[in-house]
Protein backbone atom coordinates (compact mmCIF):
# COMPACT_ATOMS: atom_id res chain seq x y z
CA MET A 1 20.63 16.77 -73.96
CA LEU A 2 18.51 17.92 -71.30
CA ILE A 3 18.74 18.17 -67.87
CA ILE A 4 15.90 19.11 -65.04
CA GLY A 5 17.31 20.53 -62.28
CA ALA A 6 20.22 22.68 -61.87
CA GLY A 7 20.88 21.92 -57.83
CA PRO A 8 24.53 19.75 -57.11
CA ALA A 9 24.10 16.98 -59.01
CA GLY A 10 22.30 19.07 -61.84
CA ALA A 11 24.36 21.92 -62.49
CA ALA A 12 27.88 19.54 -62.53
CA ALA A 13 26.26 17.94 -65.51
CA ALA A 14 25.50 20.69 -66.85
CA PHE A 15 29.39 21.50 -67.03
CA PHE A 16 30.77 18.08 -67.39
CA LEU A 17 28.16 17.11 -70.30
CA PRO A 18 29.76 20.20 -72.63
CA TYR A 19 33.27 19.66 -71.12
CA PHE A 20 33.64 16.01 -72.07
CA SER A 21 31.95 16.15 -75.22
CA GLU A 22 34.21 19.31 -76.17
CA LYS A 23 30.78 21.25 -76.51
CA LYS A 24 30.09 18.82 -79.38
CA LEU A 25 26.84 18.05 -77.54
CA SER A 26 23.92 20.47 -77.42
CA VAL A 27 22.82 20.79 -73.17
CA LEU A 28 19.98 22.31 -71.98
CA SER A 29 19.77 22.95 -68.54
CA LEU A 30 16.25 23.63 -67.18
CA GLU A 31 15.88 24.66 -63.42
CA LYS A 32 12.47 25.66 -61.85
CA LEU A 33 13.41 28.01 -59.70
CA ASP A 34 14.42 31.53 -59.84
CA LYS A 35 13.91 34.14 -56.89
CA ASN A 36 13.85 31.33 -54.33
CA TYR A 37 17.48 29.54 -55.82
CA GLY A 38 19.54 30.91 -53.07
CA LYS A 39 17.05 30.59 -50.41
CA TYR A 40 16.33 26.73 -50.98
CA HIS A 41 20.16 25.91 -51.45
CA ARG A 42 21.21 27.19 -47.99
CA MET A 43 18.97 24.19 -46.59
CA CYS A 44 22.46 22.32 -46.49
CA GLY A 45 24.97 21.66 -43.83
CA GLU A 46 27.38 22.84 -46.73
CA ALA A 47 30.49 20.61 -45.65
CA LEU A 48 32.85 19.03 -48.42
CA SER A 49 35.91 17.35 -47.99
CA THR A 50 38.40 18.55 -49.94
CA SER A 51 38.94 14.89 -51.50
CA THR A 52 35.84 15.71 -53.32
CA PHE A 53 37.63 17.73 -55.78
CA LYS A 54 40.20 14.88 -56.90
CA ASP A 55 37.50 13.69 -57.70
CA LEU A 56 35.63 16.28 -59.81
CA ALA A 57 38.61 17.57 -61.71
CA PRO A 58 38.63 20.30 -63.09
CA LEU A 59 36.53 21.92 -60.71
CA GLU A 60 37.74 23.57 -58.20
CA PRO A 61 36.81 25.05 -54.07
CA HIS A 62 34.55 27.74 -54.65
CA ALA A 63 33.09 30.20 -51.97
CA VAL A 64 34.63 28.55 -49.03
CA GLN A 65 33.63 30.06 -45.82
CA PHE A 66 35.50 27.59 -43.33
CA ARG A 67 38.05 25.04 -43.21
CA ILE A 68 37.50 22.44 -40.88
CA ARG A 69 40.36 20.83 -39.37
CA ARG A 70 38.43 18.43 -36.70
CA ALA A 71 35.68 16.12 -36.63
CA VAL A 72 34.34 16.09 -32.79
CA GLU A 73 31.76 12.85 -32.16
CA HIS A 74 29.98 12.61 -28.92
CA TRP A 75 28.67 8.91 -27.94
CA PRO A 76 26.31 8.15 -25.02
CA GLY A 77 28.59 6.92 -22.11
CA ASP A 78 30.40 10.27 -22.12
CA VAL A 79 32.71 9.19 -25.08
CA THR A 80 33.75 12.08 -27.10
CA ILE A 81 36.30 11.51 -30.05
CA GLU A 82 38.22 14.31 -32.15
CA THR A 83 39.61 13.43 -35.42
CA ASP A 84 41.87 15.26 -37.39
CA THR A 85 40.04 16.30 -40.89
CA ASP A 86 40.38 18.47 -44.00
CA GLY A 87 36.98 19.89 -45.17
CA LEU A 88 35.28 22.81 -46.64
CA ILE A 89 32.33 24.66 -45.50
CA VAL A 90 30.59 26.82 -48.75
CA ASP A 91 28.70 28.83 -49.33
CA ARG A 92 26.41 26.75 -51.20
CA PRO A 93 24.38 28.74 -53.60
CA GLU A 94 27.31 30.99 -54.33
CA PHE A 95 29.03 28.05 -55.10
CA LEU A 96 26.05 26.72 -57.20
CA ARG A 97 25.91 29.84 -59.27
CA HIS A 98 29.87 29.63 -59.92
CA LEU A 99 29.61 26.01 -61.44
CA LEU A 100 26.59 27.15 -63.32
CA GLN A 101 28.57 30.04 -64.70
CA ARG A 102 31.36 27.81 -65.70
CA ALA A 103 28.72 25.09 -67.38
CA LYS A 104 27.78 28.52 -69.54
CA LYS A 105 31.13 29.14 -70.75
CA GLU A 106 31.60 25.33 -71.68
CA GLY A 107 28.31 25.82 -73.99
CA CYS A 108 25.57 24.92 -71.87
CA HIS A 109 22.38 26.54 -72.29
CA MET A 110 19.97 27.70 -69.23
CA GLU A 111 16.55 28.15 -68.75
CA VAL A 112 13.99 28.84 -65.77
CA GLY A 113 11.13 26.55 -65.94
CA ALA A 114 8.85 23.90 -63.91
CA ALA A 115 8.89 21.06 -65.85
CA MET A 116 5.38 19.50 -65.45
CA GLU A 117 5.03 16.50 -67.74
CA ILE A 118 7.64 13.96 -69.62
CA SER A 119 6.29 11.93 -72.40
CA LYS A 120 8.84 8.79 -74.04
CA ARG A 121 8.81 9.04 -77.26
CA SER A 122 10.72 6.83 -79.72
CA ASP A 123 13.59 8.95 -80.56
CA GLY A 124 13.65 10.83 -77.33
CA TYR A 125 11.69 13.09 -74.46
CA LEU A 126 9.46 15.69 -74.72
CA VAL A 127 9.18 17.65 -71.59
CA ARG A 128 6.26 20.16 -71.09
CA THR A 129 6.75 23.38 -68.42
CA LYS A 130 4.44 24.86 -66.66
CA ASP A 131 4.16 27.68 -68.66
CA GLY A 132 3.04 25.77 -72.05
CA ARG A 133 7.01 25.39 -72.82
CA GLU A 134 8.26 22.33 -74.75
CA PHE A 135 11.67 20.46 -74.98
CA PHE A 136 12.75 17.85 -76.89
CA ALA A 137 15.62 15.50 -75.99
CA SER A 138 17.33 12.31 -77.13
CA HIS A 139 19.25 11.83 -73.32
CA LEU A 140 17.33 12.92 -70.34
CA VAL A 141 18.94 13.39 -66.80
CA GLY A 142 16.55 13.56 -64.15
CA ALA A 143 18.26 16.17 -61.16
CA ASP A 144 15.21 17.40 -59.78
CA GLY A 145 15.37 16.34 -56.25
CA TRP A 146 13.64 13.67 -53.76
CA ASN A 147 9.98 14.18 -55.95
CA SER A 148 11.46 13.79 -58.68
CA LEU A 149 8.93 14.29 -61.81
CA VAL A 150 11.45 12.00 -64.23
CA ARG A 151 11.54 9.21 -61.68
CA ARG A 152 7.65 9.23 -61.03
CA THR A 153 7.30 9.30 -64.46
CA LEU A 154 9.96 7.05 -66.04
CA PHE A 155 11.00 4.57 -62.95
CA GLN A 156 9.63 2.42 -60.66
CA GLY A 157 9.04 3.25 -56.58
CA GLY A 158 11.40 5.98 -54.98
CA PRO A 159 13.63 6.12 -52.32
CA ARG A 160 13.78 5.87 -48.55
CA LEU A 161 13.21 9.55 -46.81
CA LEU A 162 15.02 10.59 -43.64
CA TRP A 163 13.51 14.05 -42.93
CA ALA A 164 15.97 16.23 -41.34
CA GLU A 165 15.52 20.25 -39.92
CA GLN A 166 18.20 22.72 -39.62
CA PHE A 167 18.58 26.20 -37.72
CA ILE A 168 20.95 28.66 -38.32
CA THR A 169 21.74 30.51 -35.05
CA ASP A 170 23.82 33.35 -33.59
CA GLY A 171 25.38 31.20 -31.37
CA THR A 172 29.33 30.70 -31.00
CA MET A 173 31.65 27.54 -31.80
CA ASP A 174 34.81 27.17 -32.93
CA LYS A 175 35.08 27.65 -36.56
CA ASP A 176 37.12 24.84 -37.67
CA ALA A 177 35.25 22.18 -36.14
CA MET A 178 32.50 20.13 -36.78
CA HIS A 179 30.67 18.35 -33.94
CA PHE A 180 28.42 15.11 -34.39
CA PHE A 181 25.95 14.11 -31.32
CA TYR A 182 24.96 10.29 -31.31
CA ASP A 183 21.73 8.97 -29.22
CA GLN A 184 19.06 7.17 -29.89
CA ARG A 185 16.45 9.62 -29.95
CA TYR A 186 17.89 10.82 -33.35
CA ARG A 187 16.62 7.45 -34.76
CA GLY A 188 19.47 6.24 -36.43
CA GLY A 189 20.90 9.75 -37.66
CA TYR A 190 22.52 12.74 -35.13
CA ARG A 191 22.38 15.91 -34.31
CA TRP A 192 25.12 17.93 -35.97
CA GLU A 193 26.59 21.95 -35.39
CA PHE A 194 28.90 23.16 -37.86
CA PRO A 195 29.86 26.82 -38.24
CA HIS A 196 28.03 29.61 -39.74
CA VAL A 197 28.83 33.20 -41.03
CA TRP A 198 26.03 34.31 -38.51
CA GLY A 199 27.15 32.01 -36.10
CA LYS A 200 26.17 28.31 -36.50
CA ARG A 201 23.93 25.88 -37.43
CA VAL A 202 22.47 23.08 -35.36
CA GLY A 203 20.18 20.16 -37.29
CA PHE A 204 18.80 16.96 -36.51
CA THR A 205 16.20 13.95 -37.29
CA ARG A 206 12.83 16.10 -37.71
CA GLY A 207 11.19 16.08 -34.39
CA ALA A 208 13.81 14.62 -32.37
CA ASP A 209 14.90 17.82 -30.33
CA GLU A 210 13.26 21.04 -28.97
CA ARG A 211 14.14 23.73 -31.63
CA PRO A 212 16.11 26.73 -30.67
CA GLN A 213 15.79 30.09 -30.98
CA PHE A 214 17.12 30.40 -34.63
CA LEU A 215 17.57 33.47 -36.89
CA GLU A 216 16.28 31.00 -40.18
CA ARG A 217 14.66 27.18 -40.19
CA HIS A 218 15.47 24.76 -42.90
CA GLY A 219 13.61 21.63 -43.36
CA ARG A 220 13.93 18.75 -46.05
CA PRO A 221 14.16 15.33 -47.06
CA ILE A 222 17.33 13.30 -46.72
CA PRO A 223 16.86 10.51 -49.68
CA TYR A 224 18.58 7.49 -49.82
CA GLY A 225 18.87 4.03 -50.87
CA TYR A 226 17.40 3.39 -54.42
CA ASP A 227 18.85 1.44 -56.52
CA GLN A 228 17.47 2.58 -60.56
CA VAL A 229 19.87 4.91 -61.86
CA VAL A 230 19.14 4.15 -65.72
CA ASN A 231 15.72 3.34 -68.30
CA GLY A 232 16.62 3.73 -71.44
CA ASN A 233 18.08 7.45 -72.52
CA ALA A 234 16.91 8.52 -69.15
CA CYS A 235 19.20 8.69 -65.82
CA LEU A 236 19.11 10.17 -62.68
CA ILE A 237 21.71 11.44 -60.49
CA GLY A 238 21.96 13.30 -56.96
CA ASP A 239 18.87 13.40 -54.96
CA ALA A 240 15.98 12.64 -57.76
CA ALA A 241 18.08 8.95 -57.75
CA GLY A 242 18.26 8.97 -53.54
CA GLN A 243 22.17 9.14 -53.41
CA ALA A 244 22.55 10.97 -49.98
CA ASN A 245 24.71 8.93 -47.68
CA PRO A 246 21.88 7.84 -44.75
CA ILE A 247 25.49 7.40 -42.83
CA THR A 248 27.11 10.59 -42.94
CA PHE A 249 23.80 12.88 -44.60
CA GLY A 250 26.01 14.14 -47.39
CA GLY A 251 24.71 14.45 -50.50
CA ILE A 252 26.63 17.57 -52.99
CA ARG A 253 29.60 15.54 -53.37
CA ILE A 254 27.86 11.86 -54.46
CA GLY A 255 25.35 13.93 -56.09
CA MET A 256 28.31 15.63 -58.70
CA ALA A 257 30.04 12.57 -58.57
CA ALA A 258 26.95 10.59 -60.16
CA ALA A 259 27.10 13.71 -62.63
CA LYS A 260 30.27 13.20 -64.06
CA MET A 261 29.88 9.48 -64.30
CA ALA A 262 26.83 10.11 -66.10
CA ALA A 263 28.17 12.76 -68.50
CA GLU A 264 31.03 10.71 -69.52
CA ALA A 265 28.81 7.38 -69.84
CA ILE A 266 26.86 9.45 -72.55
CA VAL A 267 29.59 11.01 -74.04
CA LYS A 268 31.37 7.53 -74.74
CA GLY A 269 28.56 5.99 -76.25
CA GLY A 270 25.32 5.37 -73.97
CA LEU A 271 24.20 5.70 -70.50
CA GLU A 272 25.14 1.67 -69.50
CA GLY A 273 28.29 2.50 -68.73
CA TYR A 274 26.40 4.81 -65.29
CA ALA A 275 24.35 1.69 -65.08
CA ARG A 276 27.30 -0.18 -64.59
CA LYS A 277 29.70 1.92 -62.99
CA TRP A 278 27.27 3.67 -60.22
CA PRO A 279 26.54 0.56 -58.05
CA ARG A 280 29.98 -0.76 -58.07
CA SER A 281 31.81 2.81 -56.85
CA PRO A 282 32.18 3.62 -53.06
CA TYR A 283 29.41 6.11 -53.17
CA ALA A 284 26.70 3.68 -53.50
CA SER A 285 27.87 0.58 -51.12
CA PRO A 286 25.05 -1.64 -49.77
CA ALA A 287 26.87 -1.44 -46.62
CA TYR A 288 25.89 2.50 -45.54
CA VAL A 289 21.65 1.43 -45.93
CA LYS A 290 22.26 -1.85 -43.77
CA ALA A 291 24.51 0.15 -40.96
CA PHE A 292 21.87 2.87 -40.75
CA ASP A 293 18.93 0.30 -40.55
CA SER A 294 21.16 -1.33 -37.62
CA LEU A 295 21.84 1.99 -36.05
CA ARG A 296 18.18 3.07 -35.75
CA GLY A 297 17.42 0.38 -33.69
CA MET A 298 20.07 0.54 -30.84
CA ASP A 299 19.45 2.16 -27.85
CA ASN A 300 22.04 4.37 -25.89
CA ALA A 301 23.54 1.19 -24.25
CA GLU A 302 24.32 -0.31 -27.24
CA LEU A 303 25.70 3.13 -29.15
CA PHE A 304 27.77 2.92 -26.40
CA ARG A 305 28.92 -0.70 -26.70
CA SER A 306 29.64 -0.33 -30.41
CA VAL A 307 32.12 2.73 -29.67
CA ARG A 308 33.55 1.47 -26.97
CA PRO A 309 36.69 0.49 -28.95
CA PHE A 310 37.34 3.48 -30.23
CA ARG A 311 36.63 5.67 -27.10
CA LYS A 312 40.37 6.67 -26.75
CA GLY A 313 40.42 7.72 -30.46
CA TYR A 314 40.47 5.99 -33.88
CA GLY A 315 43.41 4.22 -35.17
CA LYS A 316 44.59 1.10 -37.03
CA ILE A 317 44.93 -0.76 -33.34
CA SER A 318 42.08 0.03 -31.88
CA GLY A 319 40.17 -0.49 -35.17
CA ALA A 320 41.61 -3.84 -35.70
CA LEU A 321 40.74 -4.55 -31.92
CA ALA A 322 37.22 -3.49 -32.70
CA MET A 323 36.88 -5.69 -35.44
CA LEU A 324 38.52 -8.74 -33.54
CA SER A 325 36.13 -7.97 -30.20
CA GLY A 326 33.02 -6.35 -31.84
CA LYS A 327 32.15 -8.94 -34.73
CA LYS A 328 28.35 -7.80 -33.79
CA TYR A 329 28.86 -4.27 -35.75
CA ARG A 330 31.58 -5.19 -38.21
CA GLU A 331 29.45 -3.78 -41.01
CA LEU A 332 28.55 -0.71 -39.42
CA TYR A 333 32.37 -0.14 -38.65
CA ARG A 334 32.76 -0.67 -42.42
CA ALA A 335 30.12 1.93 -42.90
CA TYR A 336 31.62 4.27 -40.60
CA GLU A 337 35.15 4.17 -42.79
CA LEU A 338 33.60 3.99 -45.78
CA GLY A 339 31.54 7.16 -45.45
CA ALA A 340 34.32 9.26 -43.71
CA LYS A 341 36.28 8.72 -46.98
CA TRP A 342 33.46 8.98 -49.46
CA GLY A 343 30.43 10.25 -48.02
CA TRP A 344 30.96 14.13 -47.95
């Protein structure tokens, strides 16, 4: 078994494949980044719902920096909604390094190298690296990011991309809260402000706001809206599969859950199980993309109308009234409900 990429999805696959097979499978993780691994993986909001680890057992939280208790939304029309939540801000590079160490203990072998060419053979896949090495495997797991070589070689098409930028600043904010700002200029997205050990992180749809003074700048596409995850004995997980949630922008939990799903299917006899199970999971609901496309077309007046039923807060009564009075926005409300539970 060869896994290309060792981000959240790839690291999770590196753990779950030997774990589920009780070390009976030969598993190799191939990761192109070495010295820049930590810097690349800081390009993230680093937020995880605590329910993440119910799905990913036996994995547990690690490198936790802040405990998130509140989500504060700021909408046009001076609508502010504060909701109790239960989440974590982790040090993503350290979290991943810890996960990869657990994978090694389970028996996964690690190599550093950039895959440059993939050839499909009758009995598997041959992967050549930039430095001339070759690796052969019966199964191939593509966890190699939004511009995945595995996807470009073995699959058709690609995900949609939402480009975002993030800045680490020395600004101050409450360390137990995440803030979200909705406005038409974010084109279906939002501005986020999350706590950081240096101050706070500020992010938004690329070009939507002026850049603040920053200590560190990040930029990357958020891939979403891709349907094919299996082709023969090759599969895609995480950003390679466009599995980020376009409503929440979350991707860590989703990619890791997909990795667990794919690993379990491989161990049980074939990737067909992953191909069937993934599109039926709450992580892959078509409601997310439909809602995002709807949001992209909204101006501030309509954003206000959509959220007006909840201006005094979310709850069963306001939710029921919204579903009755806001038929136009029912799919949007459904996507928000699913995203709050499964999107981070």
